[in-house]
Protein backbone atom coordinates (compact mmCIF):
# COMPACT_ATOMS: atom_id res chain seq x y z
CA UNK A 1 -4.07 22.24 -32.83
CA UNK A 2 -6.04 24.97 -34.55
CA UNK A 3 -7.53 27.79 -32.45
CA UNK A 4 -11.02 26.15 -32.20
CA UNK A 5 -9.68 22.84 -30.89
CA UNK A 6 -7.40 24.68 -28.61
CA UNK A 7 -10.33 26.64 -27.19
CA UNK A 8 -12.34 23.42 -26.70
CA UNK A 9 -9.35 21.79 -25.02
CA UNK A 10 -8.97 24.72 -22.61
CA UNK A 11 -12.63 24.87 -21.79
CA UNK A 12 -12.77 21.14 -21.09
CA UNK A 13 -9.47 20.77 -19.24
CA UNK A 14 -9.26 24.05 -17.33
CA UNK A 15 -12.77 25.06 -16.68
CA UNK A 16 -14.18 21.58 -16.08
CA UNK A 17 -11.06 19.72 -15.02
CA UNK A 18 -12.07 16.83 -17.26
CA UNK A 19 -10.29 14.70 -19.84
CA UNK A 20 -10.91 15.89 -23.44
CA UNK A 21 -13.46 13.63 -25.12
CA UNK A 22 -14.00 13.25 -28.86
CA UNK A 23 -15.48 16.53 -30.02
CA UNK A 24 -18.57 14.94 -31.61
CA UNK A 25 -19.30 12.81 -28.53
CA UNK A 26 -19.14 15.85 -26.19
CA UNK A 27 -21.38 17.98 -28.41
CA UNK A 28 -24.08 15.34 -28.96
CA UNK A 29 -24.90 14.81 -25.31
CA UNK A 30 -27.73 17.00 -24.00
CA UNK A 31 -25.88 17.63 -20.79
CA UNK A 32 -22.43 18.08 -22.30
CA UNK A 33 -20.23 20.94 -21.11
CA UNK A 34 -20.86 22.91 -24.33
CA UNK A 35 -23.83 24.13 -26.34
CA UNK A 36 -22.72 24.63 -29.91
CA UNK A 37 -24.46 25.82 -33.11
CA UNK A 38 -22.91 26.41 -36.59
CA UNK A 39 -24.04 28.98 -39.18
CA UNK A 40 -22.91 30.28 -42.54
CA UNK A 41 -23.79 33.87 -41.82
CA UNK A 42 -21.04 36.54 -41.85
CA UNK A 43 -19.62 37.57 -38.45
CA UNK A 44 -21.15 41.04 -38.78
CA UNK A 45 -24.66 39.76 -39.59
CA UNK A 46 -24.44 37.03 -36.93
CA UNK A 47 -23.49 39.54 -34.22
CA UNK A 48 -26.40 41.71 -35.15
CA UNK A 49 -28.86 38.74 -35.20
CA UNK A 50 -27.41 37.42 -31.95
CA UNK A 51 -27.95 40.78 -30.23
CA UNK A 52 -31.59 40.80 -31.47
CA UNK A 53 -32.09 37.25 -30.22
CA UNK A 54 -30.64 38.22 -26.79
CA UNK A 55 -33.00 41.12 -26.44
CA UNK A 56 -36.06 39.25 -27.73
CA UNK A 57 -35.52 36.59 -25.04
CA UNK A 58 -35.58 39.13 -22.18
CA UNK A 59 -31.81 39.42 -21.67
CA UNK A 60 -29.72 42.59 -21.67
CA UNK A 61 -26.74 42.86 -24.05
CA UNK A 62 -23.71 43.75 -22.03
CA UNK A 63 -20.76 43.93 -24.47
CA UNK A 64 -19.01 42.41 -27.45
CA UNK A 65 -15.22 42.00 -27.61
CA UNK A 66 -12.51 40.07 -29.42
CA UNK A 67 -10.92 37.29 -27.42
CA UNK A 68 -7.66 39.26 -27.03
CA UNK A 69 -9.27 42.64 -26.47
CA UNK A 70 -6.97 44.94 -24.43
CA UNK A 71 -4.19 42.36 -24.65
CA UNK A 72 -2.93 43.77 -27.88
CA UNK A 73 -3.39 46.84 -30.05
CA UNK A 74 -6.86 47.26 -31.65
CA UNK A 75 -5.34 46.73 -35.09
CA UNK A 76 -3.80 43.43 -34.01
CA UNK A 77 -6.86 42.00 -32.29
CA UNK A 78 -8.18 38.62 -33.51
CA UNK A 79 -11.44 39.38 -35.09
CA UNK A 80 -12.14 35.73 -35.84
CA UNK A 81 -13.03 35.00 -32.18
CA UNK A 82 -15.68 37.26 -30.67
CA UNK A 83 -17.15 37.07 -27.15
CA UNK A 84 -20.75 38.30 -26.64
CA UNK A 85 -21.82 38.97 -23.01
CA UNK A 86 -25.44 39.19 -21.85
CA UNK A 87 -27.54 38.82 -18.70
CA UNK A 88 -31.07 38.59 -17.31
CA UNK A 89 -30.54 40.50 -14.12
CA UNK A 90 -33.70 39.24 -12.41
CA UNK A 91 -32.64 35.64 -13.04
CA UNK A 92 -29.09 36.51 -11.88
CA UNK A 93 -30.43 37.95 -8.60
CA UNK A 94 -32.49 34.80 -7.88
CA UNK A 95 -29.58 32.53 -8.74
CA UNK A 96 -27.15 34.34 -6.53
CA UNK A 97 -29.60 34.21 -3.61
CA UNK A 98 -29.62 30.39 -4.03
CA UNK A 99 -25.89 29.87 -4.39
CA UNK A 100 -23.13 32.52 -4.68
CA UNK A 101 -21.07 30.13 -6.76
CA UNK A 102 -23.38 30.85 -9.71
CA UNK A 103 -20.92 33.68 -10.41
CA UNK A 104 -18.84 31.00 -12.15
CA UNK A 105 -21.02 31.19 -15.23
CA UNK A 106 -22.42 34.68 -15.06
CA UNK A 107 -22.73 36.84 -17.10
CA UNK A 108 -23.91 34.62 -19.94
CA UNK A 109 -21.35 34.42 -22.69
CA UNK A 110 -21.40 33.11 -26.29
CA UNK A 111 -18.12 32.75 -28.16
CA UNK A 112 -18.24 33.19 -31.95
CA UNK A 113 -15.44 31.36 -33.76
CA UNK A 114 -14.86 32.05 -37.45
CA UNK A 115 -13.99 28.88 -39.44
CA UNK A 116 -13.09 28.63 -43.06
CA UNK A 117 -16.70 28.28 -44.30
CA UNK A 118 -18.87 28.83 -41.22
CA UNK A 119 -19.02 30.35 -37.76
CA UNK A 120 -19.42 28.25 -34.57
CA UNK A 121 -21.36 29.73 -31.67
CA UNK A 122 -20.24 28.11 -28.39
CA UNK A 123 -21.55 28.47 -24.86
CA UNK A 124 -21.01 26.72 -21.58
CA UNK A 125 -23.97 24.50 -20.75
CA UNK A 126 -25.46 25.68 -17.39
CA UNK A 127 -27.02 22.22 -16.82
CA UNK A 128 -23.59 20.75 -16.79
CA UNK A 129 -22.29 23.39 -14.40
CA UNK A 130 -25.22 22.74 -12.05
CA UNK A 131 -23.96 19.17 -11.61
CA UNK A 132 -20.47 20.51 -10.83
CA UNK A 133 -21.88 22.84 -8.15
CA UNK A 134 -23.89 19.90 -6.71
CA UNK A 135 -26.80 22.16 -5.83
CA UNK A 136 -30.31 20.71 -6.60
CA UNK A 137 -31.98 24.13 -5.95
CA UNK A 138 -30.27 25.59 -8.99
CA UNK A 139 -31.24 22.78 -11.24
CA UNK A 140 -34.63 24.28 -12.49
CA UNK A 141 -33.02 27.74 -12.95
CA UNK A 142 -30.13 26.19 -14.92
CA UNK A 143 -32.49 24.07 -17.06
CA UNK A 144 -34.23 27.37 -18.00
CA UNK A 145 -30.94 29.07 -18.67
CA UNK A 146 -29.78 26.15 -20.94
CA UNK A 147 -33.12 26.35 -22.79
CA UNK A 148 -32.68 30.13 -23.22
CA UNK A 149 -29.20 29.64 -24.56
CA UNK A 150 -30.42 27.13 -27.14
CA UNK A 151 -33.30 29.34 -28.10
CA UNK A 152 -31.06 32.40 -28.51
CA UNK A 153 -28.53 30.43 -30.57
CA UNK A 154 -31.32 29.00 -32.78
CA UNK A 155 -32.95 32.48 -33.34
CA UNK A 156 -29.59 33.99 -34.26
CA UNK A 157 -29.14 31.44 -37.06
CA UNK A 158 -32.54 31.91 -38.70
């Protein structure tokens, strides 16, 4: 398995405790576990554009790191998989007051995966996680968060 399929496998199996479905089937469903967008931008340009999209959608950029940051030397880090963390702290506060288990998917995170000819931006779908938490009160908030994820990903690719 290449690194991207391995990441998808781990997200589906470990985080969601689900059987791995065909990649295209999982990604086509609106309430699938993952939100995914592809782009042909360079990693450097995409990170800059993603940061701008995060800020323009009323979120705060928290940090950017490689997937193996602090697990190896800086020289040996895998720069082909980047994690970008961000948060809307007002939304976070409201969500935590509704259900403390929201901490499972906070802060928001988008994973950038460098492929041969494109970069995939992948995020966990909050609508899917709401179903896993079985809390109807969070539904509207997670719908908004899923909408924001899609908007941020779309803006970063323009």
